[in-house]
Amino acid sequence: MEMTTENLALAFAQALYDKQAEDIRILDVRGVSTVTDICVVATGTSAPHLKALQKAVLNALRDTGSAVKFRCSGEPDSGWVLLDAFTVVVHIFAPEAREYYDIETLWNGAKEIPFTPANN
């Protein structure tokens, strides 16, 4: 499979799903944001869960064989971790932080990319 930006976002969403992330959404923010093309948003239940989700996304990036560079911001203990793979940004929130930052409203007008998890 060709590793398009959308396929990369779907791979990240699947990795999050596999680690039991909640409320996973993929937002195509092209035309709405000048910073990135796609945002993946998910919720974890605790700091250790956020750390496991962060690791799962990093492993998914590695597993794609892509030469995409990334950087991480935030700490699981803060309730928000951001992984920036340039064309795809992943936001992993604790429930309270997701409600507070309301990132989906920030990207109001973005088209949602359907995500149907593969059963492993």
C-alpha atoms as a PDB file:
ATOM      1  CA  MET A   1       0.000   0.000   0.000  1.00  0.00           C
ATOM      2  CA  GLU A   2       1.272   3.449  -0.937  1.00  0.00           C
ATOM      3  CA  MET A   3       1.904   5.549   2.167  1.00  0.00           C
ATOM      4  CA  THR A   4      -0.169   8.623   1.395  1.00  0.00           C
ATOM      5  CA  THR A   5      -0.934  11.195   4.058  1.00  0.00           C
ATOM      6  CA  GLU A   6      -4.401   9.694   4.494  1.00  0.00           C
ATOM      7  CA  ASN A   7      -2.998   6.152   4.765  1.00  0.00           C
ATOM      8  CA  LEU A   8      -0.531   7.334   7.393  1.00  0.00           C
ATOM      9  CA  ALA A   9      -3.377   8.893   9.401  1.00  0.00           C
ATOM     10  CA  LEU A  10      -5.389   5.676   9.095  1.00  0.00           C
ATOM     11  CA  ALA A  11      -2.365   3.640  10.272  1.00  0.00           C
ATOM     12  CA  PHE A  12      -2.062   5.913  13.302  1.00  0.00           C
ATOM     13  CA  ALA A  13      -5.783   5.589  14.022  1.00  0.00           C
ATOM     14  CA  GLN A  14      -5.542   1.797  13.805  1.00  0.00           C
ATOM     15  CA  ALA A  15      -2.576   1.769  16.193  1.00  0.00           C
ATOM     16  CA  LEU A  16      -4.577   3.881  18.633  1.00  0.00           C
ATOM     17  CA  TYR A  17      -7.590   1.599  18.281  1.00  0.00           C
ATOM     18  CA  ASP A  18      -5.424  -1.478  18.876  1.00  0.00           C
ATOM     19  CA  LYS A  19      -4.360   0.043  22.207  1.00  0.00           C
ATOM     20  CA  GLN A  20      -7.973   0.818  23.141  1.00  0.00           C
ATOM     21  CA  ALA A  21      -8.008   4.568  22.562  1.00  0.00           C
ATOM     22  CA  GLU A  22     -11.473   6.089  22.735  1.00  0.00           C
ATOM     23  CA  ASP A  23     -13.353   8.444  20.408  1.00  0.00           C
ATOM     24  CA  ILE A  24     -10.822   8.348  17.559  1.00  0.00           C
ATOM     25  CA  ARG A  25     -11.467  10.959  14.886  1.00  0.00           C
ATOM     26  CA  ILE A  26      -9.530  11.796  11.737  1.00  0.00           C
ATOM     27  CA  LEU A  27      -9.987  15.363  10.503  1.00  0.00           C
ATOM     28  CA  ASP A  28      -8.846  16.524   7.076  1.00  0.00           C
ATOM     29  CA  VAL A  29      -7.815  20.097   7.860  1.00  0.00           C
ATOM     30  CA  ARG A  30      -6.449  20.955   4.414  1.00  0.00           C
ATOM     31  CA  GLY A  31      -7.877  24.331   3.547  1.00  0.00           C
ATOM     32  CA  VAL A  32      -8.656  25.002   7.222  1.00  0.00           C
ATOM     33  CA  SER A  33      -5.113  24.849   8.624  1.00  0.00           C
ATOM     34  CA  THR A  34      -1.821  26.064   7.235  1.00  0.00           C
ATOM     35  CA  VAL A  35       0.086  23.892   9.717  1.00  0.00           C
ATOM     36  CA  THR A  36      -0.808  20.323   8.703  1.00  0.00           C
ATOM     37  CA  ASP A  37      -3.061  18.288   6.413  1.00  0.00           C
ATOM     38  CA  ILE A  38      -4.691  15.819   8.794  1.00  0.00           C
ATOM     39  CA  CYS A  39      -5.306  15.713  12.550  1.00  0.00           C
ATOM     40  CA  VAL A  40      -5.946  12.466  14.359  1.00  0.00           C
ATOM     41  CA  VAL A  41      -7.596  12.963  17.751  1.00  0.00           C
ATOM     42  CA  ALA A  42      -8.032  10.287  20.413  1.00  0.00           C
ATOM     43  CA  THR A  43      -8.671   9.907  24.116  1.00  0.00           C
ATOM     44  CA  GLY A  44      -6.766   7.797  26.623  1.00  0.00           C
ATOM     45  CA  THR A  45      -7.971   6.928  30.099  1.00  0.00           C
ATOM     46  CA  SER A  46      -4.877   7.670  32.211  1.00  0.00           C
ATOM     47  CA  ALA A  47      -1.278   8.877  32.007  1.00  0.00           C
ATOM     48  CA  PRO A  48       0.042   5.310  31.511  1.00  0.00           C
ATOM     49  CA  HIS A  49      -2.562   4.772  28.795  1.00  0.00           C
ATOM     50  CA  LEU A  50      -1.531   8.005  27.049  1.00  0.00           C
ATOM     51  CA  LYS A  51       2.082   6.826  27.164  1.00  0.00           C
ATOM     52  CA  ALA A  52       1.100   3.461  25.626  1.00  0.00           C
ATOM     53  CA  LEU A  53      -0.896   5.237  22.910  1.00  0.00           C
ATOM     54  CA  GLN A  54       2.037   7.532  22.150  1.00  0.00           C
ATOM     55  CA  LYS A  55       4.331   4.524  21.821  1.00  0.00           C
ATOM     56  CA  ALA A  56       1.818   2.748  19.573  1.00  0.00           C
ATOM     57  CA  VAL A  57       1.720   5.695  17.157  1.00  0.00           C
ATOM     58  CA  LEU A  58       5.524   5.894  17.076  1.00  0.00           C
ATOM     59  CA  ASN A  59       5.696   2.151  16.399  1.00  0.00           C
ATOM     60  CA  ALA A  60       3.117   2.509  13.621  1.00  0.00           C
ATOM     61  CA  LEU A  61       5.230   5.226  12.024  1.00  0.00           C
ATOM     62  CA  ARG A  62       8.291   3.000  12.217  1.00  0.00           C
ATOM     63  CA  ASP A  63       6.348   0.032  10.831  1.00  0.00           C
ATOM     64  CA  THR A  64       5.269   1.976   7.736  1.00  0.00           C
ATOM     65  CA  GLY A  65       8.903   2.093   6.653  1.00  0.00           C
ATOM     66  CA  SER A  66       8.332   5.750   5.908  1.00  0.00           C
ATOM     67  CA  ALA A  67      11.177   8.230   6.170  1.00  0.00           C
ATOM     68  CA  VAL A  68       8.778  10.739   7.715  1.00  0.00           C
ATOM     69  CA  LYS A  69      10.353  12.683  10.544  1.00  0.00           C
ATOM     70  CA  PHE A  70       8.359  13.412  13.670  1.00  0.00           C
ATOM     71  CA  ARG A  71       8.547  15.268  16.913  1.00  0.00           C
ATOM     72  CA  CYS A  72       6.685  14.818  20.164  1.00  0.00           C
ATOM     73  CA  SER A  73       5.389  17.495  22.500  1.00  0.00           C
ATOM     74  CA  GLY A  74       3.745  17.214  25.871  1.00  0.00           C
ATOM     75  CA  GLU A  75       3.937  14.522  28.503  1.00  0.00           C
ATOM     76  CA  PRO A  76       1.412  11.810  29.323  1.00  0.00           C
ATOM     77  CA  ASP A  77       1.188  13.182  32.883  1.00  0.00           C
ATOM     78  CA  SER A  78       0.023  16.550  31.495  1.00  0.00           C
ATOM     79  CA  GLY A  79      -3.035  14.966  29.886  1.00  0.00           C
ATOM     80  CA  TRP A  80      -2.042  15.847  26.316  1.00  0.00           C
ATOM     81  CA  VAL A  81       0.547  14.409  23.961  1.00  0.00           C
ATOM     82  CA  LEU A  82       1.081  15.703  20.440  1.00  0.00           C
ATOM     83  CA  LEU A  83       2.965  13.810  17.757  1.00  0.00           C
ATOM     84  CA  ASP A  84       3.833  15.859  14.698  1.00  0.00           C
ATOM     85  CA  ALA A  85       4.674  13.887  11.555  1.00  0.00           C
ATOM     86  CA  PHE A  86       4.465  17.056   9.422  1.00  0.00           C
ATOM     87  CA  THR A  87       1.430  16.217   7.247  1.00  0.00           C
ATOM     88  CA  VAL A  88      -0.297  14.322  10.068  1.00  0.00           C
ATOM     89  CA  VAL A  89      -0.567  15.563  13.643  1.00  0.00           C
ATOM     90  CA  VAL A  90      -1.826  13.222  16.363  1.00  0.00           C
ATOM     91  CA  HIS A  91      -3.418  14.647  19.518  1.00  0.00           C
ATOM     92  CA  ILE A  92      -3.813  12.175  22.384  1.00  0.00           C
ATOM     93  CA  PHE A  93      -5.803  13.575  25.284  1.00  0.00           C
ATOM     94  CA  ALA A  94      -6.968  12.586  28.725  1.00  0.00           C
ATOM     95  CA  PRO A  95     -10.773  13.073  28.836  1.00  0.00           C
ATOM     96  CA  GLU A  96     -10.617  16.334  30.803  1.00  0.00           C
ATOM     97  CA  ALA A  97      -7.966  17.843  28.521  1.00  0.00           C
ATOM     98  CA  ARG A  98      -9.890  16.866  25.393  1.00  0.00           C
ATOM     99  CA  GLU A  99     -12.998  18.536  26.731  1.00  0.00           C
ATOM    100  CA  TYR A 100     -11.049  21.641  27.777  1.00  0.00           C
ATOM    101  CA  TYR A 101      -9.120  22.128  24.513  1.00  0.00           C
ATOM    102  CA  ASP A 102     -12.077  21.094  22.313  1.00  0.00           C
ATOM    103  CA  ILE A 103      -9.775  20.587  19.337  1.00  0.00           C
ATOM    104  CA  GLU A 104     -12.621  19.468  17.092  1.00  0.00           C
ATOM    105  CA  THR A 105     -14.248  22.912  17.404  1.00  0.00           C
ATOM    106  CA  LEU A 106     -10.905  24.524  16.551  1.00  0.00           C
ATOM    107  CA  TRP A 107     -10.978  22.625  13.246  1.00  0.00           C
ATOM    108  CA  ASN A 108     -14.678  23.277  12.658  1.00  0.00           C
ATOM    109  CA  GLY A 109     -15.284  22.942   8.940  1.00  0.00           C
ATOM    110  CA  ALA A 110     -12.756  20.148   8.511  1.00  0.00           C
ATOM    111  CA  LYS A 111     -13.973  17.087   6.659  1.00  0.00           C
ATOM    112  CA  GLU A 112     -13.952  13.921   8.773  1.00  0.00           C
ATOM    113  CA  ILE A 113     -12.185  10.948   7.212  1.00  0.00           C
ATOM    114  CA  PRO A 114     -14.079   7.738   7.956  1.00  0.00           C
ATOM    115  CA  PHE A 115     -12.191   5.222  10.082  1.00  0.00           C
ATOM    116  CA  THR A 116     -13.323   1.630  10.271  1.00  0.00           C
ATOM    117  CA  PRO A 117     -10.961  -0.343  12.515  1.00  0.00           C
ATOM    118  CA  ALA A 118      -9.552  -3.594  11.241  1.00  0.00           C
ATOM    119  CA  ASN A 119     -10.179  -6.414  13.682  1.00  0.00           C
ATOM    120  CA  ASN A 120      -6.893  -8.020  14.652  1.00  0.00           C
END
